């Protein structure tokens, strides 16, 4: 009989990563993942899913470095295993280029990726508007494959999945001993966090099998990421923008910007257009608290607000969330565990 009932809310890459970590590490817990939407309908499904990161202002750099490295090492092991094709995880080499030399030429994650170096002058000749570049090999994780693969792994570990919208935490209070909130932008209403805001992203999938290397402009708005089935080109970062329909003006702008970096894209066929709302926040929230639900104190672990870095940081923050769940178990009165 599994004694401690854990609910994980949210089925994006952060939710499923967290649920898998808990179910595999704590077999005496009965873990249920609840969400309104599952793959292919989550924000994670449209993500380019390539691993590098920006700095968050208020989180110790050492912790951000660990989140990145834990995620990278986890995905690298999958990329180098027989699971790579069905998990949608692959190595990806390319360039990040800058119009001005950045203050931080060697970002905090540079030691975790493979073969990080500065681009040579002859390499930069190809991008005349750019003065500086970094070349490295990282990982691309395609959530359309990865999320169903994680779900299979979660179920194998004894996890249960329930499709339903959680309108309020009160609904969960009598059925679960610990609640883990990975609801992304949904945290705005679910836990009343007004510091979470949408960052609208629009991307296109194009057919360009001749492209083998990623190119990302350092401003983060223009990028070309070859994947297993197609090439993802983007994008937009429109803060506080809730629109979920495709904007033709954005499509034209994306194609023009990407074609200026990679002229052969003008020959690529557009396969699909996608819009998603990233859960923007000044810093991701990875912490625990006690909430009062229907007269009882229920421990709650939060893991949300990753912005555009959900795939990049999901496994690292999931391991931290697992540590917080362990703390909650430790602090529980004995009768709750029996």
C-alpha atoms as a PDB file:
ATOM      1  CA  UNK A   1       0.000   0.000   0.000  1.00  0.00           C
ATOM      2  CA  UNK A   2       1.525   3.311  -1.066  1.00  0.00           C
ATOM      3  CA  UNK A   3       1.093   5.593   1.863  1.00  0.00           C
ATOM      4  CA  UNK A   4       1.766   9.197   0.807  1.00  0.00           C
ATOM      5  CA  UNK A   5      -0.431  10.658  -1.938  1.00  0.00           C
ATOM      6  CA  UNK A   6       1.261  13.271  -4.099  1.00  0.00           C
ATOM      7  CA  UNK A   7      -0.468  15.400  -6.751  1.00  0.00           C
ATOM      8  CA  UNK A   8       1.575  17.047  -9.508  1.00  0.00           C
ATOM      9  CA  UNK A   9      -0.373  19.745 -11.377  1.00  0.00           C
ATOM     10  CA  UNK A  10       0.753  20.422 -14.959  1.00  0.00           C
ATOM     11  CA  UNK A  11       1.758  18.188 -17.885  1.00  0.00           C
ATOM     12  CA  UNK A  12       4.377  20.337 -19.604  1.00  0.00           C
ATOM     13  CA  UNK A  13       8.061  19.502 -19.537  1.00  0.00           C
ATOM     14  CA  UNK A  14       8.460  20.811 -15.970  1.00  0.00           C
ATOM     15  CA  UNK A  15       5.421  18.890 -14.680  1.00  0.00           C
ATOM     16  CA  UNK A  16       6.343  15.554 -16.246  1.00  0.00           C
ATOM     17  CA  UNK A  17      10.034  15.869 -15.315  1.00  0.00           C
ATOM     18  CA  UNK A  18       9.069  16.552 -11.704  1.00  0.00           C
ATOM     19  CA  UNK A  19       6.512  13.731 -11.623  1.00  0.00           C
ATOM     20  CA  UNK A  20       9.059  11.235 -13.010  1.00  0.00           C
ATOM     21  CA  UNK A  21      11.716  12.293 -10.478  1.00  0.00           C
ATOM     22  CA  UNK A  22       9.299  11.833  -7.572  1.00  0.00           C
ATOM     23  CA  UNK A  23       7.760   8.562  -8.774  1.00  0.00           C
ATOM     24  CA  UNK A  24      11.152   6.949  -9.470  1.00  0.00           C
ATOM     25  CA  UNK A  25      12.920   8.160  -6.320  1.00  0.00           C
ATOM     26  CA  UNK A  26      10.069   7.685  -3.818  1.00  0.00           C
ATOM     27  CA  UNK A  27       8.322   4.385  -4.631  1.00  0.00           C
ATOM     28  CA  UNK A  28       6.297   4.565  -1.394  1.00  0.00           C
ATOM     29  CA  UNK A  29       4.515   7.649  -2.753  1.00  0.00           C
ATOM     30  CA  UNK A  30       1.459   7.344  -4.952  1.00  0.00           C
ATOM     31  CA  UNK A  31       1.975  10.073  -7.556  1.00  0.00           C
ATOM     32  CA  UNK A  32      -0.865  11.404  -9.717  1.00  0.00           C
ATOM     33  CA  UNK A  33      -0.277  13.965 -12.455  1.00  0.00           C
ATOM     34  CA  UNK A  34      -3.308  16.167 -13.153  1.00  0.00           C
ATOM     35  CA  UNK A  35      -3.616  18.528 -16.108  1.00  0.00           C
ATOM     36  CA  UNK A  36      -6.164  19.970 -18.465  1.00  0.00           C
ATOM     37  CA  UNK A  37      -3.881  19.653 -21.507  1.00  0.00           C
ATOM     38  CA  UNK A  38      -1.376  17.010 -22.495  1.00  0.00           C
ATOM     39  CA  UNK A  39       1.048  16.648 -25.392  1.00  0.00           C
ATOM     40  CA  UNK A  40       0.741  17.762 -28.192  1.00  0.00           C
ATOM     41  CA  UNK A  41      -1.333  20.626 -26.722  1.00  0.00           C
ATOM     42  CA  UNK A  42       1.055  22.012 -24.077  1.00  0.00           C
ATOM     43  CA  UNK A  43       3.261  25.101 -24.359  1.00  0.00           C
ATOM     44  CA  UNK A  44       6.297  22.783 -24.171  1.00  0.00           C
ATOM     45  CA  UNK A  45       5.254  21.040 -27.396  1.00  0.00           C
ATOM     46  CA  UNK A  46       5.963  24.114 -29.492  1.00  0.00           C
ATOM     47  CA  UNK A  47       9.241  24.914 -27.784  1.00  0.00           C
ATOM     48  CA  UNK A  48      12.378  24.758 -29.896  1.00  0.00           C
ATOM     49  CA  UNK A  49      13.811  22.853 -26.934  1.00  0.00           C
ATOM     50  CA  UNK A  50      17.460  23.723 -27.406  1.00  0.00           C
ATOM     51  CA  UNK A  51      19.650  23.905 -24.317  1.00  0.00           C
ATOM     52  CA  UNK A  52      21.232  27.169 -23.303  1.00  0.00           C
ATOM     53  CA  UNK A  53      20.081  29.748 -20.807  1.00  0.00           C
ATOM     54  CA  UNK A  54      19.909  33.366 -19.794  1.00  0.00           C
ATOM     55  CA  UNK A  55      20.747  34.519 -16.276  1.00  0.00           C
ATOM     56  CA  UNK A  56      17.958  35.047 -13.745  1.00  0.00           C
ATOM     57  CA  UNK A  57      18.653  38.107 -11.598  1.00  0.00           C
ATOM     58  CA  UNK A  58      17.996  36.835  -8.058  1.00  0.00           C
ATOM     59  CA  UNK A  59      19.049  33.177  -8.076  1.00  0.00           C
ATOM     60  CA  UNK A  60      22.622  32.279  -7.081  1.00  0.00           C
ATOM     61  CA  UNK A  61      24.630  31.564 -10.221  1.00  0.00           C
ATOM     62  CA  UNK A  62      25.898  28.329  -8.697  1.00  0.00           C
ATOM     63  CA  UNK A  63      22.314  27.060  -8.481  1.00  0.00           C
ATOM     64  CA  UNK A  64      21.547  28.125 -12.070  1.00  0.00           C
ATOM     65  CA  UNK A  65      24.734  26.366 -13.202  1.00  0.00           C
ATOM     66  CA  UNK A  66      23.623  23.192 -11.397  1.00  0.00           C
ATOM     67  CA  UNK A  67      20.106  23.332 -12.872  1.00  0.00           C
ATOM     68  CA  UNK A  68      21.620  23.615 -16.335  1.00  0.00           C
ATOM     69  CA  UNK A  69      24.223  20.888 -15.828  1.00  0.00           C
ATOM     70  CA  UNK A  70      21.719  18.435 -14.286  1.00  0.00           C
ATOM     71  CA  UNK A  71      19.349  18.955 -17.220  1.00  0.00           C
ATOM     72  CA  UNK A  72      22.136  18.734 -19.785  1.00  0.00           C
ATOM     73  CA  UNK A  73      23.633  15.557 -18.313  1.00  0.00           C
ATOM     74  CA  UNK A  74      20.194  13.904 -18.066  1.00  0.00           C
ATOM     75  CA  UNK A  75      19.366  14.674 -21.708  1.00  0.00           C
ATOM     76  CA  UNK A  76      22.884  13.862 -22.941  1.00  0.00           C
ATOM     77  CA  UNK A  77      22.547  10.357 -21.475  1.00  0.00           C
ATOM     78  CA  UNK A  78      19.276   9.929 -23.432  1.00  0.00           C
ATOM     79  CA  UNK A  79      20.799  11.377 -26.635  1.00  0.00           C
ATOM     80  CA  UNK A  80      23.616   8.831 -26.402  1.00  0.00           C
ATOM     81  CA  UNK A  81      21.325   5.867 -25.667  1.00  0.00           C
ATOM     82  CA  UNK A  82      19.069   3.685 -27.797  1.00  0.00           C
ATOM     83  CA  UNK A  83      16.103   5.800 -26.596  1.00  0.00           C
ATOM     84  CA  UNK A  84      17.243   8.880 -28.553  1.00  0.00           C
ATOM     85  CA  UNK A  85      14.838   8.555 -31.548  1.00  0.00           C
ATOM     86  CA  UNK A  86      11.630   7.891 -29.603  1.00  0.00           C
ATOM     87  CA  UNK A  87      12.528  10.387 -26.862  1.00  0.00           C
ATOM     88  CA  UNK A  88      13.242  13.065 -29.482  1.00  0.00           C
ATOM     89  CA  UNK A  89      16.597  14.019 -27.949  1.00  0.00           C
ATOM     90  CA  UNK A  90      19.595  14.754 -30.177  1.00  0.00           C
ATOM     91  CA  UNK A  91      22.924  16.568 -30.174  1.00  0.00           C
ATOM     92  CA  UNK A  92      22.917  19.862 -32.062  1.00  0.00           C
ATOM     93  CA  UNK A  93      25.917  21.970 -33.101  1.00  0.00           C
ATOM     94  CA  UNK A  94      25.919  25.569 -34.242  1.00  0.00           C
ATOM     95  CA  UNK A  95      26.508  29.215 -33.494  1.00  0.00           C
ATOM     96  CA  UNK A  96      25.205  31.972 -31.283  1.00  0.00           C
ATOM     97  CA  UNK A  97      26.046  35.332 -32.855  1.00  0.00           C
ATOM     98  CA  UNK A  98      26.002  38.882 -31.476  1.00  0.00           C
ATOM     99  CA  UNK A  99      25.757  42.300 -33.108  1.00  0.00           C
ATOM    100  CA  UNK A 100      27.765  43.746 -30.201  1.00  0.00           C
ATOM    101  CA  UNK A 101      30.317  41.888 -28.089  1.00  0.00           C
ATOM    102  CA  UNK A 102      28.413  40.762 -24.965  1.00  0.00           C
ATOM    103  CA  UNK A 103      29.662  41.659 -21.482  1.00  0.00           C
ATOM    104  CA  UNK A 104      29.623  37.962 -20.691  1.00  0.00           C
ATOM    105  CA  UNK A 105      31.563  36.335 -23.533  1.00  0.00           C
ATOM    106  CA  UNK A 106      31.721  33.016 -21.712  1.00  0.00           C
ATOM    107  CA  UNK A 107      28.257  32.356 -20.210  1.00  0.00           C
ATOM    108  CA  UNK A 108      27.781  30.422 -16.966  1.00  0.00           C
ATOM    109  CA  UNK A 109      26.666  27.298 -18.858  1.00  0.00           C
ATOM    110  CA  UNK A 110      29.635  27.214 -21.235  1.00  0.00           C
ATOM    111  CA  UNK A 111      31.402  24.452 -19.279  1.00  0.00           C
ATOM    112  CA  UNK A 112      28.384  22.147 -19.458  1.00  0.00           C
ATOM    113  CA  UNK A 113      27.911  22.173 -23.233  1.00  0.00           C
ATOM    114  CA  UNK A 114      30.365  20.381 -25.539  1.00  0.00           C
ATOM    115  CA  UNK A 115      33.341  22.079 -27.209  1.00  0.00           C
ATOM    116  CA  UNK A 116      32.455  25.690 -26.375  1.00  0.00           C
ATOM    117  CA  UNK A 117      34.721  28.191 -28.186  1.00  0.00           C
ATOM    118  CA  UNK A 118      34.646  31.663 -29.717  1.00  0.00           C
ATOM    119  CA  UNK A 119      34.021  31.842 -33.458  1.00  0.00           C
ATOM    120  CA  UNK A 120      36.922  32.732 -35.740  1.00  0.00           C
ATOM    121  CA  UNK A 121      36.966  35.813 -37.933  1.00  0.00           C
ATOM    122  CA  UNK A 122      36.536  33.718 -41.050  1.00  0.00           C
ATOM    123  CA  UNK A 123      33.450  32.009 -39.536  1.00  0.00           C
ATOM    124  CA  UNK A 124      31.968  35.408 -38.666  1.00  0.00           C
ATOM    125  CA  UNK A 125      32.402  36.672 -42.277  1.00  0.00           C
ATOM    126  CA  UNK A 126      29.215  34.815 -43.065  1.00  0.00           C
ATOM    127  CA  UNK A 127      27.291  37.112 -40.672  1.00  0.00           C
ATOM    128  CA  UNK A 128      28.506  40.635 -41.607  1.00  0.00           C
ATOM    129  CA  UNK A 129      26.135  42.401 -39.181  1.00  0.00           C
ATOM    130  CA  UNK A 130      27.564  40.469 -36.228  1.00  0.00           C
ATOM    131  CA  UNK A 131      30.818  41.129 -34.386  1.00  0.00           C
ATOM    132  CA  UNK A 132      31.136  38.152 -32.059  1.00  0.00           C
ATOM    133  CA  UNK A 133      30.022  34.564 -31.875  1.00  0.00           C
ATOM    134  CA  UNK A 134      30.166  31.359 -29.872  1.00  0.00           C
ATOM    135  CA  UNK A 135      30.333  27.871 -31.373  1.00  0.00           C
ATOM    136  CA  UNK A 136      29.312  24.809 -29.365  1.00  0.00           C
ATOM    137  CA  UNK A 137      27.401  21.561 -29.355  1.00  0.00           C
ATOM    138  CA  UNK A 138      24.316  21.363 -27.164  1.00  0.00           C
ATOM    139  CA  UNK A 139      21.143  19.274 -27.046  1.00  0.00           C
ATOM    140  CA  UNK A 140      17.817  19.672 -28.801  1.00  0.00           C
ATOM    141  CA  UNK A 141      14.873  18.060 -27.079  1.00  0.00           C
ATOM    142  CA  UNK A 142      11.666  17.786 -29.091  1.00  0.00           C
ATOM    143  CA  UNK A 143       8.803  17.727 -26.616  1.00  0.00           C
ATOM    144  CA  UNK A 144       6.317  16.261 -29.108  1.00  0.00           C
ATOM    145  CA  UNK A 145       8.339  13.045 -28.635  1.00  0.00           C
ATOM    146  CA  UNK A 146       9.858  13.699 -25.224  1.00  0.00           C
ATOM    147  CA  UNK A 147       6.631  14.332 -23.276  1.00  0.00           C
ATOM    148  CA  UNK A 148       4.912  11.061 -24.330  1.00  0.00           C
ATOM    149  CA  UNK A 149       8.214   9.267 -23.625  1.00  0.00           C
ATOM    150  CA  UNK A 150       8.345  10.800 -20.122  1.00  0.00           C
ATOM    151  CA  UNK A 151       4.695   9.856 -19.586  1.00  0.00           C
ATOM    152  CA  UNK A 152       5.487   6.216 -20.413  1.00  0.00           C
ATOM    153  CA  UNK A 153       8.427   6.328 -17.999  1.00  0.00           C
ATOM    154  CA  UNK A 154       6.196   7.903 -15.330  1.00  0.00           C
ATOM    155  CA  UNK A 155       3.523   5.211 -15.686  1.00  0.00           C
ATOM    156  CA  UNK A 156       6.208   2.510 -15.555  1.00  0.00           C
ATOM    157  CA  UNK A 157       7.262   3.933 -12.177  1.00  0.00           C
ATOM    158  CA  UNK A 158       3.674   3.509 -10.938  1.00  0.00           C
ATOM    159  CA  UNK A 159       2.492   7.047 -11.662  1.00  0.00           C
ATOM    160  CA  UNK A 160      -1.107   7.776 -12.571  1.00  0.00           C
ATOM    161  CA  UNK A 161      -2.364  10.397 -15.003  1.00  0.00           C
ATOM    162  CA  UNK A 162      -5.682  12.232 -14.837  1.00  0.00           C
ATOM    163  CA  UNK A 163      -6.925  14.720 -17.423  1.00  0.00           C
ATOM    164  CA  UNK A 164      -8.871  17.470 -15.682  1.00  0.00           C
ATOM    165  CA  UNK A 165      -8.605  21.178 -15.086  1.00  0.00           C
ATOM    166  CA  UNK A 166      -7.741  22.015 -11.494  1.00  0.00           C
ATOM    167  CA  UNK A 167      -9.707  25.196 -10.796  1.00  0.00           C
ATOM    168  CA  UNK A 168      -8.626  25.563  -7.191  1.00  0.00           C
ATOM    169  CA  UNK A 169      -6.290  23.902  -4.707  1.00  0.00           C
ATOM    170  CA  UNK A 170      -9.308  23.217  -2.479  1.00  0.00           C
ATOM    171  CA  UNK A 171     -10.326  20.465  -4.934  1.00  0.00           C
ATOM    172  CA  UNK A 172      -7.152  18.551  -4.084  1.00  0.00           C
ATOM    173  CA  UNK A 173      -7.102  19.068  -0.325  1.00  0.00           C
ATOM    174  CA  UNK A 174      -8.900  15.910   0.762  1.00  0.00           C
ATOM    175  CA  UNK A 175      -7.310  13.527  -1.776  1.00  0.00           C
ATOM    176  CA  UNK A 176      -3.606  14.366  -1.475  1.00  0.00           C
ATOM    177  CA  UNK A 177      -0.975  14.756   1.239  1.00  0.00           C
ATOM    178  CA  UNK A 178       1.450  16.867  -0.829  1.00  0.00           C
ATOM    179  CA  UNK A 179       0.680  19.110  -3.817  1.00  0.00           C
ATOM    180  CA  UNK A 180       3.368  19.946  -6.385  1.00  0.00           C
ATOM    181  CA  UNK A 181       2.501  22.956  -8.518  1.00  0.00           C
ATOM    182  CA  UNK A 182       4.012  22.905 -12.032  1.00  0.00           C
ATOM    183  CA  UNK A 183       1.170  24.792 -13.665  1.00  0.00           C
ATOM    184  CA  UNK A 184       3.306  27.403 -15.435  1.00  0.00           C
ATOM    185  CA  UNK A 185       1.242  30.401 -16.477  1.00  0.00           C
ATOM    186  CA  UNK A 186      -1.736  28.750 -14.719  1.00  0.00           C
ATOM    187  CA  UNK A 187      -0.098  29.682 -11.402  1.00  0.00           C
ATOM    188  CA  UNK A 188      -1.428  33.194 -11.948  1.00  0.00           C
ATOM    189  CA  UNK A 189      -4.914  31.961 -11.052  1.00  0.00           C
ATOM    190  CA  UNK A 190      -4.195  28.666  -9.251  1.00  0.00           C
ATOM    191  CA  UNK A 191      -1.949  30.151  -6.550  1.00  0.00           C
ATOM    192  CA  UNK A 192      -2.680  33.843  -7.188  1.00  0.00           C
ATOM    193  CA  UNK A 193       0.834  34.725  -8.344  1.00  0.00           C
ATOM    194  CA  UNK A 194       0.541  38.107 -10.058  1.00  0.00           C
ATOM    195  CA  UNK A 195       4.240  38.152 -10.912  1.00  0.00           C
ATOM    196  CA  UNK A 196       3.742  35.493 -13.626  1.00  0.00           C
ATOM    197  CA  UNK A 197       2.994  36.919 -17.058  1.00  0.00           C
ATOM    198  CA  UNK A 198       2.663  35.551 -20.597  1.00  0.00           C
ATOM    199  CA  UNK A 199       5.525  35.860 -23.067  1.00  0.00           C
ATOM    200  CA  UNK A 200       3.998  35.147 -26.452  1.00  0.00           C
ATOM    201  CA  UNK A 201       6.109  33.012 -28.743  1.00  0.00           C
ATOM    202  CA  UNK A 202       5.396  32.354 -32.407  1.00  0.00           C
ATOM    203  CA  UNK A 203       7.468  29.839 -34.378  1.00  0.00           C
ATOM    204  CA  UNK A 204       7.289  28.104 -37.731  1.00  0.00           C
ATOM    205  CA  UNK A 205       8.274  24.568 -38.637  1.00  0.00           C
ATOM    206  CA  UNK A 206       9.823  24.399 -42.093  1.00  0.00           C
ATOM    207  CA  UNK A 207      11.103  21.639 -44.335  1.00  0.00           C
ATOM    208  CA  UNK A 208      14.823  22.260 -44.891  1.00  0.00           C
ATOM    209  CA  UNK A 209      16.641  18.937 -44.441  1.00  0.00           C
ATOM    210  CA  UNK A 210      19.864  20.428 -45.837  1.00  0.00           C
ATOM    211  CA  UNK A 211      20.291  22.569 -42.706  1.00  0.00           C
ATOM    212  CA  UNK A 212      22.395  20.811 -40.089  1.00  0.00           C
ATOM    213  CA  UNK A 213      23.547  23.601 -37.745  1.00  0.00           C
ATOM    214  CA  UNK A 214      21.600  25.910 -35.460  1.00  0.00           C
ATOM    215  CA  UNK A 215      21.999  29.687 -35.659  1.00  0.00           C
ATOM    216  CA  UNK A 216      20.765  31.907 -32.852  1.00  0.00           C
ATOM    217  CA  UNK A 217      20.994  35.667 -32.688  1.00  0.00           C
ATOM    218  CA  UNK A 218      22.175  36.684 -29.220  1.00  0.00           C
ATOM    219  CA  UNK A 219      19.108  38.900 -28.740  1.00  0.00           C
ATOM    220  CA  UNK A 220      17.069  35.685 -28.596  1.00  0.00           C
ATOM    221  CA  UNK A 221      14.482  36.822 -31.119  1.00  0.00           C
ATOM    222  CA  UNK A 222      15.831  35.225 -34.301  1.00  0.00           C
ATOM    223  CA  UNK A 223      16.810  31.564 -34.443  1.00  0.00           C
ATOM    224  CA  UNK A 224      17.031  28.536 -36.710  1.00  0.00           C
ATOM    225  CA  UNK A 225      17.056  25.122 -35.020  1.00  0.00           C
ATOM    226  CA  UNK A 226      17.255  21.999 -37.197  1.00  0.00           C
ATOM    227  CA  UNK A 227      15.476  19.078 -35.568  1.00  0.00           C
ATOM    228  CA  UNK A 228      14.617  15.460 -36.229  1.00  0.00           C
ATOM    229  CA  UNK A 229      11.501  16.047 -38.348  1.00  0.00           C
ATOM    230  CA  UNK A 230      11.777  19.707 -39.376  1.00  0.00           C
ATOM    231  CA  UNK A 231      13.568  22.989 -38.730  1.00  0.00           C
ATOM    232  CA  UNK A 232      12.107  25.368 -36.130  1.00  0.00           C
ATOM    233  CA  UNK A 233      12.480  29.044 -37.054  1.00  0.00           C
ATOM    234  CA  UNK A 234      11.450  31.943 -34.893  1.00  0.00           C
ATOM    235  CA  UNK A 235      10.505  33.853 -33.152  1.00  0.00           C
ATOM    236  CA  UNK A 236       8.802  36.405 -30.929  1.00  0.00           C
ATOM    237  CA  UNK A 237       9.069  37.411 -27.267  1.00  0.00           C
ATOM    238  CA  UNK A 238       6.001  39.538 -26.680  1.00  0.00           C
ATOM    239  CA  UNK A 239       5.496  40.187 -22.980  1.00  0.00           C
ATOM    240  CA  UNK A 240       2.001  40.511 -21.488  1.00  0.00           C
ATOM    241  CA  UNK A 241       0.541  39.400 -24.840  1.00  0.00           C
ATOM    242  CA  UNK A 242      -2.210  36.775 -24.484  1.00  0.00           C
ATOM    243  CA  UNK A 243      -2.965  36.305 -28.204  1.00  0.00           C
ATOM    244  CA  UNK A 244      -2.986  32.657 -29.219  1.00  0.00           C
ATOM    245  CA  UNK A 245      -3.720  33.110 -32.927  1.00  0.00           C
ATOM    246  CA  UNK A 246      -1.001  33.159 -35.587  1.00  0.00           C
ATOM    247  CA  UNK A 247      -0.047  36.696 -36.596  1.00  0.00           C
ATOM    248  CA  UNK A 248       0.775  36.917 -40.323  1.00  0.00           C
ATOM    249  CA  UNK A 249       2.968  39.967 -39.705  1.00  0.00           C
ATOM    250  CA  UNK A 250       5.053  37.933 -37.249  1.00  0.00           C
ATOM    251  CA  UNK A 251       5.310  35.080 -39.768  1.00  0.00           C
ATOM    252  CA  UNK A 252       6.660  37.428 -42.453  1.00  0.00           C
ATOM    253  CA  UNK A 253       9.078  39.024 -39.992  1.00  0.00           C
ATOM    254  CA  UNK A 254      10.368  35.629 -38.803  1.00  0.00           C
ATOM    255  CA  UNK A 255      10.955  34.402 -42.357  1.00  0.00           C
ATOM    256  CA  UNK A 256      12.697  37.650 -43.367  1.00  0.00           C
ATOM    257  CA  UNK A 257      14.966  37.721 -40.284  1.00  0.00           C
ATOM    258  CA  UNK A 258      15.884  34.033 -40.525  1.00  0.00           C
ATOM    259  CA  UNK A 259      16.491  34.195 -44.287  1.00  0.00           C
ATOM    260  CA  UNK A 260      18.927  37.059 -43.752  1.00  0.00           C
ATOM    261  CA  UNK A 261      21.008  34.725 -41.547  1.00  0.00           C
ATOM    262  CA  UNK A 262      20.442  31.622 -43.695  1.00  0.00           C
ATOM    263  CA  UNK A 263      19.528  32.620 -47.290  1.00  0.00           C
ATOM    264  CA  UNK A 264      18.601  29.048 -48.296  1.00  0.00           C
ATOM    265  CA  UNK A 265      15.546  29.281 -46.014  1.00  0.00           C
ATOM    266  CA  UNK A 266      13.796  31.173 -48.802  1.00  0.00           C
ATOM    267  CA  UNK A 267      13.566  27.754 -50.509  1.00  0.00           C
ATOM    268  CA  UNK A 268      12.073  25.993 -47.458  1.00  0.00           C
ATOM    269  CA  UNK A 269       8.423  24.930 -47.332  1.00  0.00           C
ATOM    270  CA  UNK A 270       6.475  26.094 -44.266  1.00  0.00           C
ATOM    271  CA  UNK A 271       4.928  23.015 -42.631  1.00  0.00           C
ATOM    272  CA  UNK A 272       3.136  24.644 -39.697  1.00  0.00           C
ATOM    273  CA  UNK A 273       2.806  27.786 -37.590  1.00  0.00           C
ATOM    274  CA  UNK A 274       2.488  27.702 -33.810  1.00  0.00           C
ATOM    275  CA  UNK A 275       1.841  30.126 -30.967  1.00  0.00           C
ATOM    276  CA  UNK A 276       2.364  29.496 -27.255  1.00  0.00           C
ATOM    277  CA  UNK A 277       2.512  31.525 -24.050  1.00  0.00           C
ATOM    278  CA  UNK A 278       5.669  31.013 -22.011  1.00  0.00           C
ATOM    279  CA  UNK A 279       5.326  31.462 -18.229  1.00  0.00           C
ATOM    280  CA  UNK A 280       7.409  34.597 -17.722  1.00  0.00           C
ATOM    281  CA  UNK A 281       8.609  35.502 -14.229  1.00  0.00           C
ATOM    282  CA  UNK A 282      11.545  37.493 -12.870  1.00  0.00           C
ATOM    283  CA  UNK A 283      12.894  34.204 -11.458  1.00  0.00           C
ATOM    284  CA  UNK A 284      11.533  30.641 -11.531  1.00  0.00           C
ATOM    285  CA  UNK A 285       9.793  29.738  -8.293  1.00  0.00           C
ATOM    286  CA  UNK A 286      11.208  26.545  -6.792  1.00  0.00           C
ATOM    287  CA  UNK A 287      10.228  26.498  -3.127  1.00  0.00           C
ATOM    288  CA  UNK A 288       7.882  24.933  -0.596  1.00  0.00           C
ATOM    289  CA  UNK A 289       5.184  26.362   1.634  1.00  0.00           C
ATOM    290  CA  UNK A 290       2.365  25.197   3.882  1.00  0.00           C
ATOM    291  CA  UNK A 291      -1.092  26.109   2.587  1.00  0.00           C
ATOM    292  CA  UNK A 292      -4.321  26.003   4.580  1.00  0.00           C
ATOM    293  CA  UNK A 293      -6.913  23.996   2.673  1.00  0.00           C
ATOM    294  CA  UNK A 294     -10.271  23.183   4.229  1.00  0.00           C
ATOM    295  CA  UNK A 295      -8.952  23.446   7.751  1.00  0.00           C
ATOM    296  CA  UNK A 296      -5.753  21.439   7.303  1.00  0.00           C
ATOM    297  CA  UNK A 297      -2.177  22.370   6.518  1.00  0.00           C
ATOM    298  CA  UNK A 298      -1.040  20.842   3.245  1.00  0.00           C
ATOM    299  CA  UNK A 299       2.614  21.018   2.174  1.00  0.00           C
ATOM    300  CA  UNK A 300       3.014  22.436  -1.302  1.00  0.00           C
ATOM    301  CA  UNK A 301       6.062  22.511  -3.576  1.00  0.00           C
ATOM    302  CA  UNK A 302       6.218  25.047  -6.417  1.00  0.00           C
ATOM    303  CA  UNK A 303       8.205  24.591  -9.629  1.00  0.00           C
ATOM    304  CA  UNK A 304       7.151  27.106 -12.281  1.00  0.00           C
ATOM    305  CA  UNK A 305       7.989  30.390 -14.003  1.00  0.00           C
ATOM    306  CA  UNK A 306      10.832  29.180 -16.234  1.00  0.00           C
ATOM    307  CA  UNK A 307       9.964  31.572 -19.074  1.00  0.00           C
ATOM    308  CA  UNK A 308      11.547  30.408 -22.329  1.00  0.00           C
ATOM    309  CA  UNK A 309      13.953  28.075 -20.489  1.00  0.00           C
ATOM    310  CA  UNK A 310      11.554  25.290 -19.478  1.00  0.00           C
ATOM    311  CA  UNK A 311      13.214  22.502 -21.465  1.00  0.00           C
ATOM    312  CA  UNK A 312      16.678  23.799 -20.530  1.00  0.00           C
ATOM    313  CA  UNK A 313      16.089  23.782 -16.773  1.00  0.00           C
ATOM    314  CA  UNK A 314      13.276  21.249 -16.307  1.00  0.00           C
ATOM    315  CA  UNK A 315      15.299  18.294 -15.007  1.00  0.00           C
ATOM    316  CA  UNK A 316      17.519  20.437 -12.778  1.00  0.00           C
ATOM    317  CA  UNK A 317      14.573  22.177 -11.120  1.00  0.00           C
ATOM    318  CA  UNK A 318      12.698  18.840 -10.934  1.00  0.00           C
ATOM    319  CA  UNK A 319      15.557  17.396  -8.860  1.00  0.00           C
ATOM    320  CA  UNK A 320      15.319  20.421  -6.546  1.00  0.00           C
ATOM    321  CA  UNK A 321      11.542  19.945  -6.309  1.00  0.00           C
ATOM    322  CA  UNK A 322      12.139  16.284  -5.416  1.00  0.00           C
ATOM    323  CA  UNK A 323      14.456  17.451  -2.612  1.00  0.00           C
ATOM    324  CA  UNK A 324      11.686  19.749  -1.338  1.00  0.00           C
ATOM    325  CA  UNK A 325       9.171  16.883  -1.433  1.00  0.00           C
ATOM    326  CA  UNK A 326      11.622  14.826   0.653  1.00  0.00           C
ATOM    327  CA  UNK A 327      11.768  17.700   3.167  1.00  0.00           C
ATOM    328  CA  UNK A 328       7.955  17.791   3.295  1.00  0.00           C
ATOM    329  CA  UNK A 329       7.888  14.042   4.009  1.00  0.00           C
ATOM    330  CA  UNK A 330      10.488  14.487   6.726  1.00  0.00           C
ATOM    331  CA  UNK A 331       8.429  17.221   8.399  1.00  0.00           C
ATOM    332  CA  UNK A 332       5.130  15.345   8.212  1.00  0.00           C
ATOM    333  CA  UNK A 333       3.644  14.037  11.446  1.00  0.00           C
ATOM    334  CA  UNK A 334       4.137  10.283  11.691  1.00  0.00           C
ATOM    335  CA  UNK A 335       0.424   9.426  11.516  1.00  0.00           C
ATOM    336  CA  UNK A 336       0.172  11.088   8.097  1.00  0.00           C
ATOM    337  CA  UNK A 337       2.733   8.625   6.737  1.00  0.00           C
ATOM    338  CA  UNK A 338       1.094   5.524   8.151  1.00  0.00           C
END
